[in-house]
Amino acid sequence: MTFHINAVRQLILALRGSNIAPLPKILVGGHAFRLAPELWRDVGADGFAKDSLETIELLKRWRQ
């Protein structure tokens, strides 16, 4: 939901600032990101997928 975008941004910042190693890739999706396809970059995610099939294709690319 669009009103959760700031919470998503804060969560990603917290993950990136943590001691998690290796840091997992962060993929976002949902209505707010479909409305603004470049929003995933703004919140600091590694990628965006509009549906499950696109998610699978993106994950395959990340594994290569």
PDB file of N, CA and C in Angstrom:
ATOM      1  N   MET A   1       0.838  -1.179   0.000  1.00  0.00           N
ATOM      2  CA  MET A   1       0.000   0.000   0.000  1.00  0.00           C
ATOM      3  C   MET A   1       0.885   1.244   0.000  1.00  0.00           C
ATOM      4  N   THR A   2       0.434   2.234  -0.661  1.00  0.00           N
ATOM      5  CA  THR A   2       1.272   3.415  -0.835  1.00  0.00           C
ATOM      6  C   THR A   2       1.644   4.087   0.481  1.00  0.00           C
ATOM      7  N   PHE A   3       0.782   3.994   1.496  1.00  0.00           N
ATOM      8  CA  PHE A   3       1.115   4.669   2.754  1.00  0.00           C
ATOM      9  C   PHE A   3       2.154   3.909   3.563  1.00  0.00           C
ATOM     10  N   HIS A   4       2.601   2.747   3.095  1.00  0.00           N
ATOM     11  CA  HIS A   4       3.657   1.982   3.775  1.00  0.00           C
ATOM     12  C   HIS A   4       5.036   2.169   3.140  1.00  0.00           C
ATOM     13  N   ILE A   5       5.123   2.990   2.106  1.00  0.00           N
ATOM     14  CA  ILE A   5       6.394   3.146   1.396  1.00  0.00           C
ATOM     15  C   ILE A   5       7.510   3.617   2.320  1.00  0.00           C
ATOM     16  N   ASN A   6       7.232   4.557   3.197  1.00  0.00           N
ATOM     17  CA  ASN A   6       8.285   5.025   4.107  1.00  0.00           C
ATOM     18  C   ASN A   6       8.734   3.900   5.043  1.00  0.00           C
ATOM     19  N   ALA A   7       7.817   3.068   5.490  1.00  0.00           N
ATOM     20  CA  ALA A   7       8.180   1.936   6.348  1.00  0.00           C
ATOM     21  C   ALA A   7       9.045   0.943   5.585  1.00  0.00           C
ATOM     22  N   VAL A   8       8.744   0.731   4.315  1.00  0.00           N
ATOM     23  CA  VAL A   8       9.564  -0.151   3.480  1.00  0.00           C
ATOM     24  C   VAL A   8      10.970   0.426   3.366  1.00  0.00           C
ATOM     25  N   ARG A   9      11.058   1.712   3.104  1.00  0.00           N
ATOM     26  CA  ARG A   9      12.365   2.386   2.992  1.00  0.00           C
ATOM     27  C   ARG A   9      13.161   2.236   4.293  1.00  0.00           C
ATOM     28  N   GLN A  10      12.516   2.454   5.423  1.00  0.00           N
ATOM     29  CA  GLN A  10      13.196   2.349   6.719  1.00  0.00           C
ATOM     30  C   GLN A  10      13.648   0.915   6.998  1.00  0.00           C
ATOM     31  N   LEU A  11      12.826  -0.056   6.641  1.00  0.00           N
ATOM     32  CA  LEU A  11      13.197  -1.458   6.834  1.00  0.00           C
ATOM     33  C   LEU A  11      14.417  -1.812   5.985  1.00  0.00           C
ATOM     34  N   ILE A  12      14.416  -1.375   4.738  1.00  0.00           N
ATOM     35  CA  ILE A  12      15.559  -1.656   3.868  1.00  0.00           C
ATOM     36  C   ILE A  12      16.820  -0.985   4.406  1.00  0.00           C
ATOM     37  N   LEU A  13      16.702   0.245   4.863  1.00  0.00           N
ATOM     38  CA  LEU A  13      17.866   0.925   5.464  1.00  0.00           C
ATOM     39  C   LEU A  13      18.379   0.158   6.681  1.00  0.00           C
ATOM     40  N   ALA A  14      17.461  -0.338   7.504  1.00  0.00           N
ATOM     41  CA  ALA A  14      17.861  -1.102   8.692  1.00  0.00           C
ATOM     42  C   ALA A  14      18.562  -2.395   8.294  1.00  0.00           C
ATOM     43  N   LEU A  15      18.042  -3.086   7.276  1.00  0.00           N
ATOM     44  CA  LEU A  15      18.693  -4.311   6.807  1.00  0.00           C
ATOM     45  C   LEU A  15      20.080  -4.027   6.262  1.00  0.00           C
ATOM     46  N   ARG A  16      20.191  -2.979   5.471  1.00  0.00           N
ATOM     47  CA  ARG A  16      21.479  -2.629   4.879  1.00  0.00           C
ATOM     48  C   ARG A  16      22.493  -2.208   5.950  1.00  0.00           C
ATOM     49  N   GLY A  17      22.017  -1.662   7.052  1.00  0.00           N
ATOM     50  CA  GLY A  17      22.903  -1.236   8.123  1.00  0.00           C
ATOM     51  C   GLY A  17      23.178  -2.312   9.155  1.00  0.00           C
ATOM     52  N   SER A  18      22.598  -3.485   8.979  1.00  0.00           N
ATOM     53  CA  SER A  18      22.761  -4.560   9.959  1.00  0.00           C
ATOM     54  C   SER A  18      24.040  -5.352   9.695  1.00  0.00           C
ATOM     55  N   ASN A  19      24.280  -6.309  10.574  1.00  0.00           N
ATOM     56  CA  ASN A  19      25.456  -7.169  10.440  1.00  0.00           C
ATOM     57  C   ASN A  19      25.134  -8.470   9.720  1.00  0.00           C
ATOM     58  N   ILE A  20      24.027  -8.512   9.003  1.00  0.00           N
ATOM     59  CA  ILE A  20      23.660  -9.713   8.266  1.00  0.00           C
ATOM     60  C   ILE A  20      24.693  -9.935   7.158  1.00  0.00           C
ATOM     61  N   ALA A  21      25.224 -11.143   7.123  1.00  0.00           N
ATOM     62  CA  ALA A  21      26.188 -11.461   6.075  1.00  0.00           C
ATOM     63  C   ALA A  21      25.945 -12.888   5.600  1.00  0.00           C
ATOM     64  N   PRO A  22      25.855 -13.107   4.371  1.00  0.00           N
ATOM     65  CA  PRO A  22      25.807 -12.099   3.318  1.00  0.00           C
ATOM     66  C   PRO A  22      24.437 -11.417   3.297  1.00  0.00           C
ATOM     67  N   LEU A  23      24.436 -10.188   2.909  1.00  0.00           N
ATOM     68  CA  LEU A  23      23.203  -9.422   2.842  1.00  0.00           C
ATOM     69  C   LEU A  23      22.336  -9.956   1.709  1.00  0.00           C
ATOM     70  N   PRO A  24      21.098 -10.328   1.997  1.00  0.00           N
ATOM     71  CA  PRO A  24      20.237 -10.856   0.931  1.00  0.00           C
ATOM     72  C   PRO A  24      19.811  -9.752  -0.042  1.00  0.00           C
ATOM     73  N   LYS A  25      19.501 -10.151  -1.254  1.00  0.00           N
ATOM     74  CA  LYS A  25      18.918  -9.221  -2.220  1.00  0.00           C
ATOM     75  C   LYS A  25      17.509  -8.891  -1.743  1.00  0.00           C
ATOM     76  N   ILE A  26      17.072  -7.677  -1.984  1.00  0.00           N
ATOM     77  CA  ILE A  26      15.748  -7.234  -1.548  1.00  0.00           C
ATOM     78  C   ILE A  26      14.898  -6.960  -2.773  1.00  0.00           C
ATOM     79  N   LEU A  27      13.803  -7.694  -2.873  1.00  0.00           N
ATOM     80  CA  LEU A  27      12.874  -7.583  -3.989  1.00  0.00           C
ATOM     81  C   LEU A  27      11.551  -7.055  -3.456  1.00  0.00           C
ATOM     82  N   VAL A  28      10.989  -6.058  -4.133  1.00  0.00           N
ATOM     83  CA  VAL A  28       9.706  -5.500  -3.715  1.00  0.00           C
ATOM     84  C   VAL A  28       8.685  -5.682  -4.828  1.00  0.00           C
ATOM     85  N   GLY A  29       7.433  -5.569  -4.449  1.00  0.00           N
ATOM     86  CA  GLY A  29       6.351  -5.674  -5.415  1.00  0.00           C
ATOM     87  C   GLY A  29       5.084  -5.126  -4.788  1.00  0.00           C
ATOM     88  N   GLY A  30       4.022  -5.211  -5.531  1.00  0.00           N
ATOM     89  CA  GLY A  30       2.747  -4.741  -5.029  1.00  0.00           C
ATOM     90  C   GLY A  30       2.251  -3.517  -5.770  1.00  0.00           C
ATOM     91  N   HIS A  31       1.074  -3.104  -5.417  1.00  0.00           N
ATOM     92  CA  HIS A  31       0.367  -2.038  -6.115  1.00  0.00           C
ATOM     93  C   HIS A  31       1.165  -0.736  -6.183  1.00  0.00           C
ATOM     94  N   ALA A  32       1.712  -0.313  -5.075  1.00  0.00           N
ATOM     95  CA  ALA A  32       2.449   0.962  -5.054  1.00  0.00           C
ATOM     96  C   ALA A  32       3.615   0.937  -6.024  1.00  0.00           C
ATOM     97  N   PHE A  33       4.296  -0.181  -6.132  1.00  0.00           N
ATOM     98  CA  PHE A  33       5.449  -0.286  -7.019  1.00  0.00           C
ATOM     99  C   PHE A  33       5.034  -0.459  -8.473  1.00  0.00           C
ATOM    100  N   ARG A  34       3.843  -0.998  -8.715  1.00  0.00           N
ATOM    101  CA  ARG A  34       3.329  -1.054 -10.087  1.00  0.00           C
ATOM    102  C   ARG A  34       2.906   0.333 -10.557  1.00  0.00           C
ATOM    103  N   LEU A  35       2.414   1.159  -9.637  1.00  0.00           N
ATOM    104  CA  LEU A  35       2.029   2.528  -9.990  1.00  0.00           C
ATOM    105  C   LEU A  35       3.238   3.372 -10.369  1.00  0.00           C
ATOM    106  N   ALA A  36       4.343   3.137  -9.690  1.00  0.00           N
ATOM    107  CA  ALA A  36       5.578   3.908  -9.924  1.00  0.00           C
ATOM    108  C   ALA A  36       6.726   2.918 -10.090  1.00  0.00           C
ATOM    109  N   PRO A  37       6.918   2.395 -11.300  1.00  0.00           N
ATOM    110  CA  PRO A  37       7.890   1.317 -11.530  1.00  0.00           C
ATOM    111  C   PRO A  37       9.328   1.598 -11.101  1.00  0.00           C
ATOM    112  N   GLU A  38       9.728   2.838 -10.945  1.00  0.00           N
ATOM    113  CA  GLU A  38      11.093   3.146 -10.493  1.00  0.00           C
ATOM    114  C   GLU A  38      11.169   3.369  -8.978  1.00  0.00           C
ATOM    115  N   LEU A  39      10.064   3.249  -8.287  1.00  0.00           N
ATOM    116  CA  LEU A  39      10.018   3.470  -6.844  1.00  0.00           C
ATOM    117  C   LEU A  39      10.923   2.506  -6.093  1.00  0.00           C
ATOM    118  N   TRP A  40      11.090   1.300  -6.619  1.00  0.00           N
ATOM    119  CA  TRP A  40      11.950   0.327  -5.950  1.00  0.00           C
ATOM    120  C   TRP A  40      13.363   0.867  -5.762  1.00  0.00           C
ATOM    121  N   ARG A  41      13.843   1.637  -6.720  1.00  0.00           N
ATOM    122  CA  ARG A  41      15.180   2.231  -6.595  1.00  0.00           C
ATOM    123  C   ARG A  41      15.202   3.268  -5.464  1.00  0.00           C
ATOM    124  N   ASP A  42      14.136   4.053  -5.375  1.00  0.00           N
ATOM    125  CA  ASP A  42      14.038   5.106  -4.365  1.00  0.00           C
ATOM    126  C   ASP A  42      14.051   4.539  -2.946  1.00  0.00           C
ATOM    127  N   VAL A  43      13.427   3.383  -2.741  1.00  0.00           N
ATOM    128  CA  VAL A  43      13.390   2.803  -1.392  1.00  0.00           C
ATOM    129  C   VAL A  43      14.633   1.983  -1.084  1.00  0.00           C
ATOM    130  N   GLY A  44      15.505   1.783  -2.079  1.00  0.00           N
ATOM    131  CA  GLY A  44      16.758   1.078  -1.839  1.00  0.00           C
ATOM    132  C   GLY A  44      16.719  -0.414  -2.085  1.00  0.00           C
ATOM    133  N   ALA A  45      15.682  -0.897  -2.756  1.00  0.00           N
ATOM    134  CA  ALA A  45      15.591  -2.325  -3.058  1.00  0.00           C
ATOM    135  C   ALA A  45      16.537  -2.679  -4.196  1.00  0.00           C
ATOM    136  N   ASP A  46      16.742  -3.978  -4.383  1.00  0.00           N
ATOM    137  CA  ASP A  46      17.590  -4.455  -5.469  1.00  0.00           C
ATOM    138  C   ASP A  46      16.795  -4.726  -6.736  1.00  0.00           C
ATOM    139  N   GLY A  47      15.486  -4.802  -6.590  1.00  0.00           N
ATOM    140  CA  GLY A  47      14.666  -5.070  -7.760  1.00  0.00           C
ATOM    141  C   GLY A  47      13.192  -4.983  -7.459  1.00  0.00           C
ATOM    142  N   PHE A  48      12.413  -5.099  -8.527  1.00  0.00           N
ATOM    143  CA  PHE A  48      10.951  -5.026  -8.468  1.00  0.00           C
ATOM    144  C   PHE A  48      10.392  -6.063  -9.435  1.00  0.00           C
ATOM    145  N   ALA A  49       9.325  -6.707  -9.023  1.00  0.00           N
ATOM    146  CA  ALA A  49       8.626  -7.626  -9.909  1.00  0.00           C
ATOM    147  C   ALA A  49       7.131  -7.357  -9.792  1.00  0.00           C
ATOM    148  N   LYS A  50       6.458  -7.355 -10.945  1.00  0.00           N
ATOM    149  CA  LYS A  50       5.032  -7.037 -10.939  1.00  0.00           C
ATOM    150  C   LYS A  50       4.155  -8.236 -10.623  1.00  0.00           C
ATOM    151  N   ASP A  51       4.706  -9.459 -10.770  1.00  0.00           N
ATOM    152  CA  ASP A  51       3.919 -10.653 -10.479  1.00  0.00           C
ATOM    153  C   ASP A  51       4.864 -11.826 -10.210  1.00  0.00           C
ATOM    154  N   SER A  52       4.288 -12.984  -9.914  1.00  0.00           N
ATOM    155  CA  SER A  52       5.114 -14.141  -9.547  1.00  0.00           C
ATOM    156  C   SER A  52       5.980 -14.633 -10.701  1.00  0.00           C
ATOM    157  N   LEU A  53       5.469 -14.587 -11.923  1.00  0.00           N
ATOM    158  CA  LEU A  53       6.281 -15.023 -13.060  1.00  0.00           C
ATOM    159  C   LEU A  53       7.482 -14.105 -13.270  1.00  0.00           C
ATOM    160  N   GLU A  54       7.272 -12.813 -13.132  1.00  0.00           N
ATOM    161  CA  GLU A  54       8.387 -11.873 -13.246  1.00  0.00           C
ATOM    162  C   GLU A  54       9.384 -12.069 -12.109  1.00  0.00           C
ATOM    163  N   THR A  55       8.884 -12.401 -10.931  1.00  0.00           N
ATOM    164  CA  THR A  55       9.762 -12.681  -9.785  1.00  0.00           C
ATOM    165  C   THR A  55      10.677 -13.853 -10.091  1.00  0.00           C
ATOM    166  N   ILE A  56      10.107 -14.916 -10.631  1.00  0.00           N
ATOM    167  CA  ILE A  56      10.897 -16.106 -10.967  1.00  0.00           C
ATOM    168  C   ILE A  56      11.979 -15.760 -11.989  1.00  0.00           C
ATOM    169  N   GLU A  57      11.624 -15.004 -13.016  1.00  0.00           N
ATOM    170  CA  GLU A  57      12.602 -14.624 -14.034  1.00  0.00           C
ATOM    171  C   GLU A  57      13.721 -13.760 -13.446  1.00  0.00           C
ATOM    172  N   LEU A  58      13.365 -12.830 -12.581  1.00  0.00           N
ATOM    173  CA  LEU A  58      14.374 -11.979 -11.951  1.00  0.00           C
ATOM    174  C   LEU A  58      15.302 -12.806 -11.059  1.00  0.00           C
ATOM    175  N   LEU A  59      14.733 -13.720 -10.289  1.00  0.00           N
ATOM    176  CA  LEU A  59      15.561 -14.568  -9.424  1.00  0.00           C
ATOM    177  C   LEU A  59      16.512 -15.443 -10.243  1.00  0.00           C
ATOM    178  N   LYS A  60      16.043 -15.912 -11.373  1.00  0.00           N
ATOM    179  CA  LYS A  60      16.935 -16.694 -12.252  1.00  0.00           C
ATOM    180  C   LYS A  60      18.116 -15.851 -12.728  1.00  0.00           C
ATOM    181  N   ARG A  61      17.846 -14.593 -13.096  1.00  0.00           N
ATOM    182  CA  ARG A  61      18.929 -13.697 -13.537  1.00  0.00           C
ATOM    183  C   ARG A  61      19.907 -13.421 -12.410  1.00  0.00           C
ATOM    184  N   TRP A  62      19.368 -13.257 -11.195  1.00  0.00           N
ATOM    185  CA  TRP A  62      20.240 -12.980 -10.048  1.00  0.00           C
ATOM    186  C   TRP A  62      21.159 -14.169  -9.742  1.00  0.00           C
ATOM    187  N   ARG A  63      20.713 -15.379 -10.042  1.00  0.00           N
ATOM    188  CA  ARG A  63      21.523 -16.577  -9.737  1.00  0.00           C
ATOM    189  C   ARG A  63      22.661 -16.762 -10.721  1.00  0.00           C
ATOM    190  N   GLN A  64      22.593 -16.133 -11.870  1.00  0.00           N
ATOM    191  CA  GLN A  64      23.627 -16.336 -12.901  1.00  0.00           C
ATOM    192  C   GLN A  64      24.890 -15.592 -12.557  1.00  0.00           C
TER     193      GLN A  64
END
